[in-house]
Amino acid sequence: MGDEMRAIVVDEPGPPEVLRLRRRAVPVPAAGEVLIQVEAFGLNRSEVHFRSGVATSGSFPRIPGIEAAGIVVLAPGGEFAVGTQVVTMMGGMGREFDGGYAEYVCVPAGQVIAFVSDLPWEQIGAVPEMVQTAYGSLHTGVRARPGQSLLVRGGTSSVGMALIVLAKTEGMTVYATTRRAGARELLLDIGADEVFVDDGEVAPAVRHVAVDGVDGAVELVGVNVLKDTLRAVKSGGTVCFTGMVSGRWTIPDFYPMDWLPNGVRLTSYSGESSDLPPSILQDFLAAAETGAVRIPVGKVYRLEDIVQAHRDMEAGVIGGKAVVRVDRSD
């Protein structure tokens, strides 16, 4: 490790072109912090929001990135042995302090999770935030139980795919939506029991299959379809608002009596690394190693490709989780 590293820096908010590859000093961890050599990191829509200037938190200039996977280089407090495989996410990463879009990242030890895996780093890099969000949406948001039914609104998003995989491993019946008829086979292949092509209204089709409505739903598309998602859920069921791939996240003139069917609960989920039990991460990676679950990597980029990666995210053309594999060969 030298004194310098390559990192993506945003000086002020704007279009993808504000993401610039720079040389920065490698951060020095204090007691209670961990320095991680980043091997790969997933890309997230919240990073597009931050880069665009529409996020409600964070400051510039900043190295973005709310997650990273790699190897412990230094842990002055002794929380982790040097060489340990770890992931980290959230906690202000990439907003309040510099994040994962770099060769090294320094984070509080409390938001680091150790694991052991022989999977390629580009697969591991796809997992942390994706599985944390899916697991939290399922258990904190929906409070799902085995044997129940779940609607995943936005099934081809990376979190949607992870939700399908997790819900099936927990014995649930899973219905998923996609706007592209060509994506049906992909969602069926990773475990969805039924896939609905989404034209903005899927509740009637869902209720044709699940007559009383589904037990729960996770909204990943946005408030533009939320009213319809609520109508697909039975009385006593729960809709968890987790994502907004459509970019629509506020409701003008929200009228609860009109929006909320009798007895249907609306919750939300946006979690931290502490919300992901280490055993869940380890079990997911182990299942991926045996082929029991599939990690939905859409496309792998290099650090130098970050502008194109953000363009692709905004265009919605990745078809799974976008990952950057950090290459030190140069």
Protein backbone atom coordinates (compact mmCIF):
# COMPACT_ATOMS: atom_id res chain seq x y z
CA MET A 1 0.00 0.00 0.00
CA GLY A 2 1.39 3.38 -1.02
CA ASP A 3 0.48 6.77 0.42
CA GLU A 4 -1.87 7.54 -2.47
CA MET A 5 -4.90 5.85 -3.94
CA ARG A 6 -7.24 6.30 -6.88
CA ALA A 7 -10.68 7.54 -5.96
CA ILE A 8 -13.79 8.98 -7.59
CA VAL A 9 -14.46 12.50 -6.32
CA VAL A 10 -17.53 14.70 -6.76
CA ASP A 11 -16.73 18.40 -6.21
CA GLU A 12 -20.29 19.63 -6.68
CA PRO A 13 -23.56 17.96 -7.68
CA GLY A 14 -24.46 17.49 -11.33
CA PRO A 15 -24.72 14.97 -14.18
CA PRO A 16 -22.59 11.77 -14.34
CA GLU A 17 -19.66 13.78 -15.70
CA VAL A 18 -19.06 15.33 -12.24
CA LEU A 19 -17.65 11.93 -11.17
CA ARG A 20 -13.89 12.41 -11.59
CA LEU A 21 -11.05 9.93 -11.10
CA ARG A 22 -8.41 11.51 -8.84
CA ARG A 23 -5.43 10.62 -6.71
CA ARG A 24 -6.07 11.07 -2.99
CA ALA A 25 -4.16 10.27 0.18
CA VAL A 26 -4.95 6.88 1.65
CA PRO A 27 -6.98 7.57 4.83
CA VAL A 28 -5.39 6.82 8.20
CA PRO A 29 -7.68 4.97 10.63
CA ALA A 30 -8.01 6.11 14.24
CA ALA A 31 -8.85 3.78 17.12
CA GLY A 32 -12.33 2.40 16.48
CA GLU A 33 -11.96 2.67 12.71
CA VAL A 34 -11.02 0.11 10.08
CA LEU A 35 -9.08 0.71 6.86
CA ILE A 36 -10.32 -1.57 4.09
CA GLN A 37 -8.62 -2.30 0.78
CA VAL A 38 -11.62 -2.15 -1.54
CA GLU A 39 -11.85 -5.07 -3.96
CA ALA A 40 -15.33 -4.34 -5.31
CA PHE A 41 -18.35 -2.17 -4.60
CA GLY A 42 -21.96 -2.20 -5.68
CA LEU A 43 -23.58 0.82 -7.29
CA ASN A 44 -26.83 2.16 -5.89
CA ARG A 45 -29.58 4.50 -7.01
CA SER A 46 -29.14 6.54 -3.83
CA GLU A 47 -25.66 7.42 -5.13
CA VAL A 48 -27.30 8.82 -8.27
CA HIS A 49 -29.56 10.91 -6.02
CA PHE A 50 -26.56 12.17 -4.03
CA ARG A 51 -24.47 12.92 -7.13
CA SER A 52 -27.43 14.76 -8.70
CA GLY A 53 -27.85 16.99 -5.66
CA VAL A 54 -31.34 15.81 -4.69
CA ALA A 55 -30.33 13.82 -1.58
CA THR A 56 -31.39 15.18 1.79
CA SER A 57 -28.01 14.57 3.44
CA GLY A 58 -24.31 14.78 2.64
CA SER A 59 -21.74 17.38 1.66
CA PHE A 60 -19.26 18.12 -1.14
CA PRO A 61 -16.52 17.54 -2.17
CA ARG A 62 -16.98 13.85 -1.44
CA ILE A 63 -15.91 10.35 -2.47
CA PRO A 64 -19.36 8.70 -2.95
CA GLY A 65 -20.35 5.10 -2.33
CA ILE A 66 -22.58 3.66 0.40
CA GLU A 67 -21.02 0.17 0.38
CA ALA A 68 -17.78 -1.71 -0.25
CA ALA A 69 -16.30 -5.20 -0.02
CA GLY A 70 -12.64 -5.94 0.56
CA ILE A 71 -9.87 -6.87 2.97
CA VAL A 72 -8.88 -5.34 6.32
CA VAL A 73 -5.57 -3.47 6.06
CA LEU A 74 -5.50 -1.78 9.48
CA ALA A 75 -7.70 -1.91 12.59
CA PRO A 76 -5.90 0.01 15.37
CA GLY A 77 -8.51 -1.06 17.93
CA GLY A 78 -8.00 -4.74 17.13
CA GLU A 79 -11.62 -5.34 16.14
CA PHE A 80 -10.60 -7.29 13.01
CA ALA A 81 -7.46 -9.18 12.05
CA VAL A 82 -5.49 -7.86 9.09
CA GLY A 83 -6.47 -9.83 5.97
CA THR A 84 -10.06 -10.52 7.10
CA GLN A 85 -12.67 -10.44 4.31
CA VAL A 86 -15.25 -7.78 5.16
CA VAL A 87 -18.10 -5.70 3.82
CA THR A 88 -19.28 -2.29 5.00
CA MET A 89 -22.27 -0.12 4.19
CA MET A 90 -24.34 2.93 5.12
CA GLY A 91 -23.72 4.86 8.36
CA GLY A 92 -23.09 8.09 6.44
CA MET A 93 -20.64 6.45 4.04
CA GLY A 94 -20.26 8.38 0.81
CA ARG A 95 -22.25 11.33 2.17
CA GLU A 96 -21.07 12.52 5.59
CA PHE A 97 -17.65 10.90 5.13
CA ASP A 98 -15.79 9.45 2.15
CA GLY A 99 -17.24 6.22 0.78
CA GLY A 100 -16.49 3.17 -1.29
CA TYR A 101 -15.72 4.60 -4.75
CA ALA A 102 -11.98 4.24 -4.07
CA GLU A 103 -9.11 1.81 -3.65
CA TYR A 104 -9.30 2.19 0.15
CA VAL A 105 -12.06 3.26 2.53
CA CYS A 106 -11.93 4.08 6.25
CA VAL A 107 -15.09 3.38 8.27
CA PRO A 108 -16.19 2.94 11.91
CA ALA A 109 -15.60 -0.64 13.08
CA GLY A 110 -19.25 -0.97 14.08
CA GLN A 111 -20.36 -0.95 10.45
CA VAL A 112 -18.01 -3.69 9.29
CA ILE A 113 -19.15 -7.30 8.85
CA ALA A 114 -16.66 -10.16 8.45
CA PHE A 115 -17.31 -13.19 6.25
CA VAL A 116 -15.47 -16.04 4.53
CA SER A 117 -16.05 -16.78 0.85
CA ASP A 118 -14.26 -18.07 -2.24
CA LEU A 119 -16.65 -16.26 -4.60
CA PRO A 120 -15.15 -13.76 -7.07
CA TRP A 121 -15.05 -10.24 -5.64
CA GLU A 122 -17.33 -8.89 -8.36
CA GLN A 123 -20.04 -11.21 -7.02
CA ILE A 124 -19.35 -10.42 -3.37
CA GLY A 125 -19.40 -6.69 -4.18
CA ALA A 126 -23.00 -7.00 -5.36
CA VAL A 127 -24.27 -8.44 -2.11
CA PRO A 128 -24.02 -6.20 1.00
CA GLU A 129 -26.50 -3.35 0.44
CA MET A 130 -28.69 -5.47 -1.81
CA VAL A 131 -29.13 -8.25 0.77
CA GLN A 132 -29.35 -5.83 3.71
CA THR A 133 -32.15 -3.91 2.00
CA ALA A 134 -33.98 -7.05 0.89
CA TYR A 135 -33.68 -8.72 4.29
CA GLY A 136 -34.76 -5.57 6.15
CA SER A 137 -37.69 -4.95 3.82
CA LEU A 138 -38.85 -8.52 4.32
CA HIS A 139 -38.47 -8.69 8.10
CA THR A 140 -38.58 -5.13 9.48
CA GLY A 141 -40.84 -3.70 6.78
CA VAL A 142 -43.30 -6.45 5.89
CA ARG A 143 -42.68 -8.73 8.92
CA ALA A 144 -43.08 -11.66 6.55
CA ARG A 145 -43.48 -15.24 7.73
CA PRO A 146 -42.98 -18.60 5.99
CA GLY A 147 -46.02 -19.70 4.03
CA GLN A 148 -47.18 -16.16 3.29
CA SER A 149 -47.38 -14.54 -0.14
CA LEU A 150 -45.29 -11.55 -1.22
CA LEU A 151 -45.54 -9.15 -4.14
CA VAL A 152 -42.22 -7.66 -5.30
CA ARG A 153 -43.09 -4.53 -7.27
CA GLY A 154 -39.97 -3.96 -9.37
CA GLY A 155 -38.63 -7.49 -9.58
CA THR A 156 -35.77 -6.85 -12.01
CA SER A 157 -34.12 -4.28 -9.74
CA SER A 158 -31.19 -5.76 -7.81
CA VAL A 159 -33.07 -5.54 -4.50
CA GLY A 160 -36.11 -7.06 -6.18
CA MET A 161 -34.07 -10.04 -7.33
CA ALA A 162 -32.55 -10.47 -3.87
CA LEU A 163 -36.04 -10.30 -2.34
CA ILE A 164 -37.27 -13.08 -4.63
CA VAL A 165 -34.31 -15.27 -3.67
CA LEU A 166 -34.60 -14.60 0.09
CA ALA A 167 -38.39 -14.97 0.21
CA LYS A 168 -38.23 -18.31 -1.61
CA THR A 169 -35.56 -19.62 0.77
CA GLU A 170 -37.96 -18.70 3.60
CA GLY A 171 -40.83 -20.69 2.12
CA MET A 172 -42.94 -17.87 0.71
CA THR A 173 -45.04 -17.67 -2.45
CA VAL A 174 -43.53 -14.84 -4.50
CA TYR A 175 -45.18 -12.71 -7.17
CA ALA A 176 -43.00 -10.23 -9.05
CA THR A 177 -43.52 -7.46 -11.58
CA THR A 178 -41.48 -6.22 -14.52
CA ARG A 179 -42.17 -3.66 -17.22
CA ARG A 180 -40.37 -5.82 -19.79
CA ALA A 181 -42.07 -9.00 -20.99
CA GLY A 182 -38.63 -10.30 -21.94
CA ALA A 183 -37.57 -10.30 -18.28
CA ARG A 184 -40.27 -12.79 -17.20
CA GLU A 185 -38.05 -15.84 -17.68
CA LEU A 186 -35.23 -14.29 -15.66
CA LEU A 187 -37.52 -13.72 -12.67
CA LEU A 188 -39.08 -17.18 -12.95
CA ASP A 189 -35.58 -18.65 -13.18
CA ILE A 190 -34.47 -17.10 -9.86
CA GLY A 191 -37.59 -18.38 -8.09
CA ALA A 192 -40.65 -16.18 -8.68
CA ASP A 193 -43.85 -18.24 -8.71
CA GLU A 194 -45.67 -15.82 -11.01
CA VAL A 195 -44.56 -12.73 -12.96
CA PHE A 196 -46.83 -9.87 -14.02
CA VAL A 197 -45.90 -7.48 -16.82
CA ASP A 198 -46.39 -4.04 -15.27
CA ASP A 199 -48.30 -1.45 -17.28
CA GLY A 200 -48.87 0.69 -14.18
CA GLU A 201 -51.74 -1.42 -12.85
CA VAL A 202 -51.15 -4.96 -11.60
CA ALA A 203 -53.56 -5.23 -8.64
CA PRO A 204 -56.40 -6.82 -10.69
CA ALA A 205 -54.03 -9.45 -12.13
CA VAL A 206 -52.54 -10.20 -8.71
CA ARG A 207 -56.01 -10.60 -7.21
CA HIS A 208 -56.96 -12.93 -10.05
CA VAL A 209 -54.29 -15.30 -8.72
CA ALA A 210 -54.44 -14.40 -5.01
CA VAL A 211 -58.16 -13.68 -4.70
CA ASP A 212 -58.05 -12.06 -1.24
CA GLY A 213 -54.84 -10.20 -2.06
CA VAL A 214 -51.25 -10.93 -1.06
CA ASP A 215 -50.03 -10.93 2.55
CA GLY A 216 -47.35 -8.35 1.88
CA ALA A 217 -45.64 -6.30 -0.80
CA VAL A 218 -42.37 -4.43 -1.20
CA GLU A 219 -42.57 -1.30 -3.33
CA LEU A 220 -39.37 -0.74 -5.31
CA VAL A 221 -40.76 1.30 -8.23
CA GLY A 222 -42.02 4.47 -6.56
CA VAL A 223 -45.08 6.40 -5.47
CA ASN A 224 -46.36 6.53 -9.07
CA VAL A 225 -47.52 2.89 -8.64
CA LEU A 226 -47.81 2.72 -4.84
CA LYS A 227 -51.58 3.24 -4.81
CA ASP A 228 -51.99 0.22 -7.09
CA THR A 229 -49.59 -1.88 -4.99
CA LEU A 230 -51.64 -1.10 -1.87
CA ARG A 231 -54.72 -2.45 -3.64
CA ALA A 232 -53.03 -5.79 -4.29
CA VAL A 233 -52.66 -6.47 -0.54
CA LYS A 234 -55.25 -8.08 1.73
CA SER A 235 -56.69 -6.40 4.81
CA GLY A 236 -54.20 -6.92 7.63
CA GLY A 237 -51.32 -7.06 5.14
CA THR A 238 -48.40 -4.67 4.78
CA VAL A 239 -46.76 -2.71 1.99
CA CYS A 240 -43.16 -1.67 2.63
CA PHE A 241 -41.93 1.32 0.63
CA THR A 242 -38.24 0.65 0.02
CA GLY A 243 -37.22 1.95 -3.39
CA MET A 244 -38.05 4.30 -6.20
CA VAL A 245 -36.38 3.22 -9.44
CA SER A 246 -38.87 5.50 -11.21
CA GLY A 247 -37.38 8.50 -9.37
CA ARG A 248 -40.79 9.32 -7.86
CA TRP A 249 -40.62 9.39 -4.06
CA THR A 250 -43.03 12.08 -2.84
CA ILE A 251 -46.84 12.15 -2.98
CA PRO A 252 -48.49 15.51 -3.64
CA ASP A 253 -51.80 15.99 -1.82
CA PHE A 254 -51.60 12.66 -0.01
CA TYR A 255 -55.12 11.72 1.12
CA PRO A 256 -54.85 8.64 3.39
CA MET A 257 -58.54 7.66 3.18
CA ASP A 258 -58.23 7.47 -0.60
CA TRP A 259 -54.79 5.89 -0.78
CA LEU A 260 -54.99 3.27 2.00
CA PRO A 261 -57.46 0.38 1.66
CA ASN A 262 -59.16 -0.69 4.91
CA GLY A 263 -56.72 -2.44 7.21
CA VAL A 264 -53.71 -2.33 4.84
CA ARG A 265 -50.57 -1.00 6.53
CA LEU A 266 -47.92 1.14 4.82
CA THR A 267 -44.39 1.08 6.21
CA SER A 268 -40.92 1.92 4.88
CA TYR A 269 -37.41 0.56 5.19
CA SER A 270 -33.98 2.13 4.88
CA GLY A 271 -31.47 0.26 7.00
CA GLU A 272 -27.93 0.18 8.28
CA SER A 273 -25.23 -2.49 8.38
CA SER A 274 -26.35 -3.33 11.94
CA ASP A 275 -29.70 -4.46 10.48
CA LEU A 276 -28.02 -7.27 8.55
CA PRO A 277 -27.14 -10.22 10.82
CA PRO A 278 -23.66 -11.52 9.89
CA SER A 279 -25.12 -15.03 9.69
CA ILE A 280 -27.56 -13.93 6.97
CA LEU A 281 -24.71 -12.48 4.89
CA GLN A 282 -22.58 -15.60 5.41
CA ASP A 283 -25.49 -17.95 4.61
CA PHE A 284 -26.33 -16.02 1.44
CA LEU A 285 -22.72 -16.13 0.21
CA ALA A 286 -22.44 -19.83 1.09
CA ALA A 287 -25.66 -20.58 -0.81
CA ALA A 288 -24.28 -18.67 -3.79
CA GLU A 289 -21.09 -20.77 -3.69
CA THR A 290 -23.13 -23.99 -3.95
CA GLY A 291 -25.38 -22.55 -6.65
CA ALA A 292 -28.45 -22.71 -4.38
CA VAL A 293 -28.99 -18.97 -4.89
CA ARG A 294 -27.94 -16.70 -7.72
CA ILE A 295 -26.35 -13.29 -7.17
CA PRO A 296 -27.98 -11.03 -9.76
CA VAL A 297 -24.94 -9.17 -11.10
CA GLY A 298 -26.07 -7.10 -14.07
CA LYS A 299 -22.77 -5.61 -15.26
CA VAL A 300 -19.22 -5.22 -13.95
CA TYR A 301 -17.33 -1.97 -14.48
CA ARG A 302 -13.84 -0.66 -13.73
CA LEU A 303 -13.16 2.44 -11.63
CA GLU A 304 -12.41 4.29 -14.88
CA ASP A 305 -15.90 3.44 -16.19
CA ILE A 306 -17.80 5.18 -13.37
CA VAL A 307 -19.35 7.91 -15.56
CA GLN A 308 -20.73 5.32 -17.99
CA ALA A 309 -21.92 3.20 -15.06
CA HIS A 310 -23.99 6.11 -13.73
CA ARG A 311 -25.34 6.82 -17.22
CA ASP A 312 -26.39 3.16 -17.47
CA MET A 313 -28.04 3.27 -14.02
CA GLU A 314 -30.02 6.35 -14.99
CA ALA A 315 -31.05 4.74 -18.28
CA GLY A 316 -32.14 1.54 -16.49
CA VAL A 317 -30.24 -0.75 -18.87
CA ILE A 318 -28.13 -2.84 -16.44
CA GLY A 319 -30.63 -5.62 -15.65
CA GLY A 320 -29.37 -6.48 -12.17
CA LYS A 321 -26.82 -5.12 -9.74
CA ALA A 322 -24.06 -2.91 -11.15
CA VAL A 323 -20.65 -3.61 -9.59
CA VAL A 324 -17.23 -1.99 -9.86
CA ARG A 325 -14.25 -4.36 -9.60
CA VAL A 326 -11.25 -2.38 -8.38
CA ASP A 327 -8.26 -3.28 -10.54
CA ARG A 328 -4.80 -2.46 -9.18
CA SER A 329 -2.85 -3.84 -12.15
CA ASP A 330 -1.92 -0.33 -13.31
